[in-house]
Amino acid sequence: YATVFTAIFSTSLLFGCTTGQDEQEPDPTEEPSEQQN
C-alpha cells in the first residue's frame, strides 16, 4: 500500500499540476496590444 500510494502521489504531482491551457492561446484577462487596438 505504501508503494501504490507513493506511485499514485508521484504521478499526480507530475501530471496534475499543469494548467491544461495551450500556451498559444491568449490570456482572456490580458488587454489587447496597442498594435491590435
All heavy atoms as atom14 arrays in JSON, in Angstrom:
{
  "sequence": "YATVFTAIFSTSLLFGCTTGQDEQEPDPTEEPSEQQN",
  "atom14_mask": [
    [1, 1, 1, 1, 1, 1, 1, 1, 1, 1, 1, 1, 0, 0],
    [1, 1, 1, 1, 1, 0, 0, 0, 0, 0, 0, 0, 0, 0],
    [1, 1, 1, 1, 1, 1, 1, 0, 0, 0, 0, 0, 0, 0],
    [1, 1, 1, 1, 1, 1, 1, 0, 0, 0, 0, 0, 0, 0],
    [1, 1, 1, 1, 1, 1, 1, 1, 1, 1, 1, 0, 0, 0],
    [1, 1, 1, 1, 1, 1, 1, 0, 0, 0, 0, 0, 0, 0],
    [1, 1, 1, 1, 1, 0, 0, 0, 0, 0, 0, 0, 0, 0],
    [1, 1, 1, 1, 1, 1, 1, 1, 0, 0, 0, 0, 0, 0],
    [1, 1, 1, 1, 1, 1, 1, 1, 1, 1, 1, 0, 0, 0],
    [1, 1, 1, 1, 1, 1, 0, 0, 0, 0, 0, 0, 0, 0],
    [1, 1, 1, 1, 1, 1, 1, 0, 0, 0, 0, 0, 0, 0],
    [1, 1, 1, 1, 1, 1, 0, 0, 0, 0, 0, 0, 0, 0],
    [1, 1, 1, 1, 1, 1, 1, 1, 0, 0, 0, 0, 0, 0],
    [1, 1, 1, 1, 1, 1, 1, 1, 0, 0, 0, 0, 0, 0],
    [1, 1, 1, 1, 1, 1, 1, 1, 1, 1, 1, 0, 0, 0],
    [1, 1, 1, 1, 0, 0, 0, 0, 0, 0, 0, 0, 0, 0],
    [1, 1, 1, 1, 1, 1, 0, 0, 0, 0, 0, 0, 0, 0],
    [1, 1, 1, 1, 1, 1, 1, 0, 0, 0, 0, 0, 0, 0],
    [1, 1, 1, 1, 1, 1, 1, 0, 0, 0, 0, 0, 0, 0],
    [1, 1, 1, 1, 0, 0, 0, 0, 0, 0, 0, 0, 0, 0],
    [1, 1, 1, 1, 1, 1, 1, 1, 1, 0, 0, 0, 0, 0],
    [1, 1, 1, 1, 1, 1, 1, 1, 0, 0, 0, 0, 0, 0],
    [1, 1, 1, 1, 1, 1, 1, 1, 1, 0, 0, 0, 0, 0],
    [1, 1, 1, 1, 1, 1, 1, 1, 1, 0, 0, 0, 0, 0],
    [1, 1, 1, 1, 1, 1, 1, 1, 1, 0, 0, 0, 0, 0],
    [1, 1, 1, 1, 1, 1, 1, 0, 0, 0, 0, 0, 0, 0],
    [1, 1, 1, 1, 1, 1, 1, 1, 0, 0, 0, 0, 0, 0],
    [1, 1, 1, 1, 1, 1, 1, 0, 0, 0, 0, 0, 0, 0],
    [1, 1, 1, 1, 1, 1, 1, 0, 0, 0, 0, 0, 0, 0],
    [1, 1, 1, 1, 1, 1, 1, 1, 1, 0, 0, 0, 0, 0],
    [1, 1, 1, 1, 1, 1, 1, 1, 1, 0, 0, 0, 0, 0],
    [1, 1, 1, 1, 1, 1, 1, 0, 0, 0, 0, 0, 0, 0],
    [1, 1, 1, 1, 1, 1, 0, 0, 0, 0, 0, 0, 0, 0],
    [1, 1, 1, 1, 1, 1, 1, 1, 1, 0, 0, 0, 0, 0],
    [1, 1, 1, 1, 1, 1, 1, 1, 1, 0, 0, 0, 0, 0],
    [1, 1, 1, 1, 1, 1, 1, 1, 1, 0, 0, 0, 0, 0],
    [1, 1, 1, 1, 1, 1, 1, 1, 0, 0, 0, 0, 0, 0]
  ],
  "atom14_positions": [
    [[0.82, -1.22, 0.0], [0.0, 0.0, 0.0], [0.86, 1.27, 0.0], [0.51, 2.26, -0.63], [-0.96, 0.01, 1.18], [-2.12, -0.95, 1.01], [-2.4, -1.91, 1.97], [-2.93, -0.89, -0.13], [-3.46, -2.78, 1.82], [-3.98, -1.77, -0.29], [-4.26, -2.7, 0.69], [-5.3, -3.56, 0.53], [0.0, 0.0, 0.0], [0.0, 0.0, 0.0]],
    [[1.96, 1.25, 0.68], [2.86, 2.4, 0.69], [3.45, 2.63, -0.7], [3.55, 3.77, -1.16], [3.96, 2.2, 1.71], [0.0, 0.0, 0.0], [0.0, 0.0, 0.0], [0.0, 0.0, 0.0], [0.0, 0.0, 0.0], [0.0, 0.0, 0.0], [0.0, 0.0, 0.0], [0.0, 0.0, 0.0], [0.0, 0.0, 0.0], [0.0, 0.0, 0.0]],
    [[3.8, 1.55, -1.38], [4.34, 1.66, -2.73], [3.3, 2.18, -3.71], [3.57, 3.07, -4.52], [4.87, 0.29, -3.21], [5.84, -0.17, -2.28], [5.49, 0.39, -4.58], [0.0, 0.0, 0.0], [0.0, 0.0, 0.0], [0.0, 0.0, 0.0], [0.0, 0.0, 0.0], [0.0, 0.0, 0.0], [0.0, 0.0, 0.0], [0.0, 0.0, 0.0]],
    [[2.08, 1.66, -3.62], [1.0, 2.1, -4.51], [0.68, 3.57, -4.24], [0.52, 4.36, -5.18], [-0.25, 1.21, -4.32], [-1.46, 1.8, -5.02], [0.02, -0.19, -4.83], [0.0, 0.0, 0.0], [0.0, 0.0, 0.0], [0.0, 0.0, 0.0], [0.0, 0.0, 0.0], [0.0, 0.0, 0.0], [0.0, 0.0, 0.0], [0.0, 0.0, 0.0]],
    [[0.57, 3.95, -2.99], [0.28, 5.34, -2.64], [1.38, 6.26, -3.15], [1.1, 7.33, -3.7], [0.13, 5.49, -1.13], [-0.1, 6.91, -0.69], [-1.31, 7.51, -0.89], [0.93, 7.64, -0.12], [-1.52, 8.83, -0.5], [0.73, 8.95, 0.27], [-0.5, 9.55, 0.08], [0.0, 0.0, 0.0], [0.0, 0.0, 0.0], [0.0, 0.0, 0.0]],
    [[2.62, 5.87, -3.0], [3.74, 6.68, -3.47], [3.72, 6.83, -4.99], [3.95, 7.92, -5.52], [5.07, 6.06, -3.03], [5.08, 5.93, -1.61], [6.25, 6.9, -3.46], [0.0, 0.0, 0.0], [0.0, 0.0, 0.0], [0.0, 0.0, 0.0], [0.0, 0.0, 0.0], [0.0, 0.0, 0.0], [0.0, 0.0, 0.0], [0.0, 0.0, 0.0]],
    [[3.4, 5.76, -5.69], [3.33, 5.82, -7.15], [2.2, 6.74, -7.61], [2.38, 7.57, -8.52], [3.14, 4.42, -7.72], [0.0, 0.0, 0.0], [0.0, 0.0, 0.0], [0.0, 0.0, 0.0], [0.0, 0.0, 0.0], [0.0, 0.0, 0.0], [0.0, 0.0, 0.0], [0.0, 0.0, 0.0], [0.0, 0.0, 0.0], [0.0, 0.0, 0.0]],
    [[1.04, 6.62, -6.99], [-0.09, 7.48, -7.35], [0.21, 8.94, -7.02], [-0.06, 9.84, -7.83], [-1.37, 7.01, -6.64], [-1.79, 5.64, -7.2], [-2.5, 8.01, -6.78], [-2.91, 4.98, -6.43], [0.0, 0.0, 0.0], [0.0, 0.0, 0.0], [0.0, 0.0, 0.0], [0.0, 0.0, 0.0], [0.0, 0.0, 0.0], [0.0, 0.0, 0.0]],
    [[0.76, 9.19, -5.87], [1.08, 10.54, -5.46], [2.13, 11.18, -6.38], [1.99, 12.32, -6.79], [1.58, 10.53, -4.01], [1.83, 11.9, -3.45], [0.78, 12.75, -3.17], [3.12, 12.33, -3.2], [1.01, 14.0, -2.65], [3.36, 13.58, -2.68], [2.3, 14.43, -2.4], [0.0, 0.0, 0.0], [0.0, 0.0, 0.0], [0.0, 0.0, 0.0]],
    [[3.15, 10.41, -6.73], [4.2, 10.93, -7.61], [3.64, 11.23, -9.0], [3.97, 12.26, -9.61], [5.33, 9.92, -7.74], [5.92, 9.7, -6.48], [0.0, 0.0, 0.0], [0.0, 0.0, 0.0], [0.0, 0.0, 0.0], [0.0, 0.0, 0.0], [0.0, 0.0, 0.0], [0.0, 0.0, 0.0], [0.0, 0.0, 0.0], [0.0, 0.0, 0.0]],
    [[2.8, 10.36, -9.51], [2.19, 10.57, -10.81], [1.3, 11.81, -10.8], [1.31, 12.6, -11.74], [1.38, 9.33, -11.24], [2.23, 8.2, -11.22], [0.79, 9.5, -12.62], [0.0, 0.0, 0.0], [0.0, 0.0, 0.0], [0.0, 0.0, 0.0], [0.0, 0.0, 0.0], [0.0, 0.0, 0.0], [0.0, 0.0, 0.0], [0.0, 0.0, 0.0]],
    [[0.54, 11.98, -9.75], [-0.34, 13.15, -9.68], [0.46, 14.44, -9.58], [0.04, 15.47, -10.12], [-1.31, 13.02, -8.5], [-0.61, 13.11, -7.28], [0.0, 0.0, 0.0], [0.0, 0.0, 0.0], [0.0, 0.0, 0.0], [0.0, 0.0, 0.0], [0.0, 0.0, 0.0], [0.0, 0.0, 0.0], [0.0, 0.0, 0.0], [0.0, 0.0, 0.0]],
    [[1.6, 14.41, -8.94], [2.45, 15.6, -8.88], [3.03, 15.94, -10.25], [3.14, 17.11, -10.62], [3.59, 15.41, -7.88], [3.25, 15.55, -6.42], [4.47, 15.22, -5.56], [2.77, 16.96, -6.11], [0.0, 0.0, 0.0], [0.0, 0.0, 0.0], [0.0, 0.0, 0.0], [0.0, 0.0, 0.0], [0.0, 0.0, 0.0], [0.0, 0.0, 0.0]],
    [[3.4, 14.91, -11.0], [3.99, 15.15, -12.31], [2.97, 15.65, -13.33], [3.25, 16.57, -14.1], [4.62, 13.86, -12.84], [5.9, 13.42, -12.16], [6.31, 12.05, -12.68], [7.01, 14.41, -12.41], [0.0, 0.0, 0.0], [0.0, 0.0, 0.0], [0.0, 0.0, 0.0], [0.0, 0.0, 0.0], [0.0, 0.0, 0.0], [0.0, 0.0, 0.0]],
    [[1.79, 15.06, -13.35], [0.82, 15.36, -14.4], [-0.35, 16.22, -13.93], [-1.05, 16.8, -14.75], [0.27, 14.06, -14.99], [1.32, 13.25, -15.67], [1.8, 12.09, -15.1], [1.86, 13.65, -16.89], [2.78, 11.33, -15.72], [2.84, 12.91, -17.52], [3.29, 11.75, -16.93], [0.0, 0.0, 0.0], [0.0, 0.0, 0.0], [0.0, 0.0, 0.0]],
    [[-0.57, 16.32, -12.66], [-1.73, 17.04, -12.16], [-1.52, 18.52, -11.96], [-2.47, 19.27, -11.77], [0.0, 0.0, 0.0], [0.0, 0.0, 0.0], [0.0, 0.0, 0.0], [0.0, 0.0, 0.0], [0.0, 0.0, 0.0], [0.0, 0.0, 0.0], [0.0, 0.0, 0.0], [0.0, 0.0, 0.0], [0.0, 0.0, 0.0], [0.0, 0.0, 0.0]],
    [[-0.3, 18.98, -12.02], [-0.02, 20.39, -11.74], [0.07, 21.24, -13.0], [0.52, 22.38, -12.94], [1.27, 20.52, -10.94], [1.13, 19.8, -9.3], [0.0, 0.0, 0.0], [0.0, 0.0, 0.0], [0.0, 0.0, 0.0], [0.0, 0.0, 0.0], [0.0, 0.0, 0.0], [0.0, 0.0, 0.0], [0.0, 0.0, 0.0], [0.0, 0.0, 0.0]],
    [[-0.36, 20.72, -14.12], [-0.35, 21.51, -15.34], [-1.67, 22.25, -15.47], [-2.69, 21.82, -14.95], [-0.13, 20.63, -16.58], [-1.19, 19.68, -16.65], [1.2, 19.9, -16.51], [0.0, 0.0, 0.0], [0.0, 0.0, 0.0], [0.0, 0.0, 0.0], [0.0, 0.0, 0.0], [0.0, 0.0, 0.0], [0.0, 0.0, 0.0], [0.0, 0.0, 0.0]],
    [[-1.64, 23.35, -16.18], [-2.85, 24.16, -16.31], [-3.79, 23.61, -17.35], [-4.98, 23.87, -17.31], [-2.51, 25.6, -16.7], [-1.83, 25.59, -17.94], [-1.68, 26.26, -15.63], [0.0, 0.0, 0.0], [0.0, 0.0, 0.0], [0.0, 0.0, 0.0], [0.0, 0.0, 0.0], [0.0, 0.0, 0.0], [0.0, 0.0, 0.0], [0.0, 0.0, 0.0]],
    [[-3.26, 22.91, -18.32], [-4.1, 22.37, -19.36], [-4.41, 23.35, -20.46], [-5.09, 23.03, -21.41], [0.0, 0.0, 0.0], [0.0, 0.0, 0.0], [0.0, 0.0, 0.0], [0.0, 0.0, 0.0], [0.0, 0.0, 0.0], [0.0, 0.0, 0.0], [0.0, 0.0, 0.0], [0.0, 0.0, 0.0], [0.0, 0.0, 0.0], [0.0, 0.0, 0.0]],
    [[-3.93, 24.57, -20.37], [-4.16, 25.57, -21.4], [-3.03, 25.52, -22.4], [-1.88, 25.26, -22.06], [-4.22, 26.98, -20.82], [-5.55, 27.35, -20.25], [-5.57, 28.82, -19.87], [-4.54, 29.35, -19.46], [-6.7, 29.45, -19.99], [0.0, 0.0, 0.0], [0.0, 0.0, 0.0], [0.0, 0.0, 0.0], [0.0, 0.0, 0.0], [0.0, 0.0, 0.0]],
    [[-3.39, 25.8, -23.62], [-2.4, 25.87, -24.68], [-1.64, 27.19, -24.53], [-2.24, 28.23, -24.31], [-3.09, 25.8, -26.04], [-2.12, 25.55, -27.17], [-0.97, 25.19, -26.88], [-2.52, 25.73, -28.33], [0.0, 0.0, 0.0], [0.0, 0.0, 0.0], [0.0, 0.0, 0.0], [0.0, 0.0, 0.0], [0.0, 0.0, 0.0], [0.0, 0.0, 0.0]],
    [[-0.34, 27.17, -24.65], [0.46, 28.37, -24.49], [0.21, 29.39, -25.6], [0.45, 30.56, -25.44], [1.95, 28.02, -24.42], [2.34, 27.28, -23.17], [2.13, 28.1, -21.91], [2.35, 29.32, -21.92], [1.72, 27.51, -20.89], [0.0, 0.0, 0.0], [0.0, 0.0, 0.0], [0.0, 0.0, 0.0], [0.0, 0.0, 0.0], [0.0, 0.0, 0.0]],
    [[-0.27, 28.94, -26.76], [-0.53, 29.84, -27.88], [-1.82, 30.64, -27.65], [-2.04, 31.65, -28.27], [-0.65, 29.04, -29.18], [0.59, 28.24, -29.52], [1.8, 29.12, -29.77], [1.67, 30.23, -30.27], [2.98, 28.66, -29.4], [0.0, 0.0, 0.0], [0.0, 0.0, 0.0], [0.0, 0.0, 0.0], [0.0, 0.0, 0.0], [0.0, 0.0, 0.0]],
    [[-2.66, 30.17, -26.76], [-3.94, 30.8, -26.5], [-3.72, 32.07, -25.67], [-3.05, 32.03, -24.64], [-4.8, 29.81, -25.73], [-6.26, 30.08, -25.77], [-7.01, 28.93, -25.12], [-6.95, 27.82, -25.65], [-7.62, 29.19, -24.08], [0.0, 0.0, 0.0], [0.0, 0.0, 0.0], [0.0, 0.0, 0.0], [0.0, 0.0, 0.0], [0.0, 0.0, 0.0]],
    [[-4.29, 33.19, -26.07], [-4.09, 34.42, -25.29], [-4.86, 34.36, -23.97], [-5.9, 33.71, -23.86], [-4.65, 35.52, -26.2], [-5.61, 34.82, -27.09], [-5.08, 33.42, -27.26], [0.0, 0.0, 0.0], [0.0, 0.0, 0.0], [0.0, 0.0, 0.0], [0.0, 0.0, 0.0], [0.0, 0.0, 0.0], [0.0, 0.0, 0.0], [0.0, 0.0, 0.0]],
    [[-4.34, 35.03, -22.99], [-4.99, 35.1, -21.69], [-6.19, 36.03, -21.79], [-6.05, 37.18, -22.2], [-3.98, 35.62, -20.66], [-4.5, 35.54, -19.24], [-5.59, 34.95, -19.03], [-3.85, 36.07, -18.33], [0.0, 0.0, 0.0], [0.0, 0.0, 0.0], [0.0, 0.0, 0.0], [0.0, 0.0, 0.0], [0.0, 0.0, 0.0], [0.0, 0.0, 0.0]],
    [[-7.38, 35.58, -21.42], [-8.57, 36.42, -21.58], [-8.56, 37.66, -20.68], [-9.27, 38.62, -20.94], [-9.72, 35.5, -21.21], [-9.13, 34.37, -20.48], [-7.7, 34.27, -20.9], [0.0, 0.0, 0.0], [0.0, 0.0, 0.0], [0.0, 0.0, 0.0], [0.0, 0.0, 0.0], [0.0, 0.0, 0.0], [0.0, 0.0, 0.0], [0.0, 0.0, 0.0]],
    [[-7.72, 37.66, -19.63], [-7.67, 38.82, -18.75], [-6.71, 39.89, -19.26], [-6.73, 41.02, -18.78], [-7.25, 38.41, -17.33], [-5.97, 37.78, -17.39], [-8.27, 37.45, -16.73], [0.0, 0.0, 0.0], [0.0, 0.0, 0.0], [0.0, 0.0, 0.0], [0.0, 0.0, 0.0], [0.0, 0.0, 0.0], [0.0, 0.0, 0.0], [0.0, 0.0, 0.0]],
    [[-5.87, 39.52, -20.23], [-4.93, 40.49, -20.78], [-5.65, 41.46, -21.7], [-6.57, 41.1, -22.41], [-3.82, 39.8, -21.58], [-2.84, 39.04, -20.74], [-1.76, 38.41, -21.61], [-1.74, 38.63, -22.83], [-0.94, 37.69, -21.04], [0.0, 0.0, 0.0], [0.0, 0.0, 0.0], [0.0, 0.0, 0.0], [0.0, 0.0, 0.0], [0.0, 0.0, 0.0]],
    [[-5.2, 42.71, -21.66], [-5.75, 43.7, -22.57], [-5.1, 43.52, -23.94], [-3.95, 43.12, -24.03], [-5.5, 45.1, -22.05], [-6.26, 45.4, -20.76], [-6.1, 46.83, -20.32], [-5.78, 47.68, -21.16], [-6.31, 47.08, -19.14], [0.0, 0.0, 0.0], [0.0, 0.0, 0.0], [0.0, 0.0, 0.0], [0.0, 0.0, 0.0], [0.0, 0.0, 0.0]],
    [[-5.84, 43.83, -25.0], [-5.25, 43.72, -26.34], [-4.04, 44.63, -26.49], [-3.95, 45.69, -25.86], [-6.37, 44.14, -27.27], [-7.61, 44.09, -26.48], [-7.2, 44.26, -25.04], [0.0, 0.0, 0.0], [0.0, 0.0, 0.0], [0.0, 0.0, 0.0], [0.0, 0.0, 0.0], [0.0, 0.0, 0.0], [0.0, 0.0, 0.0], [0.0, 0.0, 0.0]],
    [[-3.14, 44.23, -27.33], [-1.94, 45.02, -27.52], [-2.26, 46.32, -28.24], [-3.32, 46.48, -28.86], [-0.91, 44.23, -28.33], [-1.39, 44.05, -29.65], [0.0, 0.0, 0.0], [0.0, 0.0, 0.0], [0.0, 0.0, 0.0], [0.0, 0.0, 0.0], [0.0, 0.0, 0.0], [0.0, 0.0, 0.0], [0.0, 0.0, 0.0], [0.0, 0.0, 0.0]],
    [[-1.35, 47.27, -28.18], [-1.54, 48.56, -28.82], [-1.66, 48.4, -30.33], [-2.46, 49.07, -30.97], [-0.35, 49.47, -28.47], [-0.57, 50.91, -28.89], [0.56, 51.8, -28.39], [0.97, 51.66, -27.23], [1.02, 52.63, -29.19], [0.0, 0.0, 0.0], [0.0, 0.0, 0.0], [0.0, 0.0, 0.0], [0.0, 0.0, 0.0], [0.0, 0.0, 0.0]],
    [[-0.9, 47.49, -30.89], [-0.95, 47.25, -32.32], [-2.34, 46.73, -32.72], [-2.89, 47.15, -33.73], [0.12, 46.25, -32.73], [0.19, 46.01, -34.22], [1.27, 45.01, -34.58], [1.77, 44.29, -33.71], [1.63, 44.95, -35.84], [0.0, 0.0, 0.0], [0.0, 0.0, 0.0], [0.0, 0.0, 0.0], [0.0, 0.0, 0.0], [0.0, 0.0, 0.0]],
    [[-2.9, 45.85, -31.92], [-4.23, 45.32, -32.21], [-5.27, 46.43, -32.1], [-6.2, 46.48, -32.91], [-4.56, 44.18, -31.23], [-5.91, 43.53, -31.49], [-5.96, 42.8, -32.81], [-4.97, 42.24, -33.25], [-7.1, 42.81, -33.45], [0.0, 0.0, 0.0], [0.0, 0.0, 0.0], [0.0, 0.0, 0.0], [0.0, 0.0, 0.0], [0.0, 0.0, 0.0]],
    [[-5.13, 47.32, -31.13], [-6.06, 48.44, -30.99], [-6.01, 49.35, -32.22], [-7.05, 49.79, -32.71], [-5.75, 49.27, -29.73], [-6.14, 48.55, -28.46], [-6.98, 47.65, -28.48], [-5.53, 48.93, -27.36], [0.0, 0.0, 0.0], [0.0, 0.0, 0.0], [0.0, 0.0, 0.0], [0.0, 0.0, 0.0], [0.0, 0.0, 0.0], [0.0, 0.0, 0.0]]
  ]
}
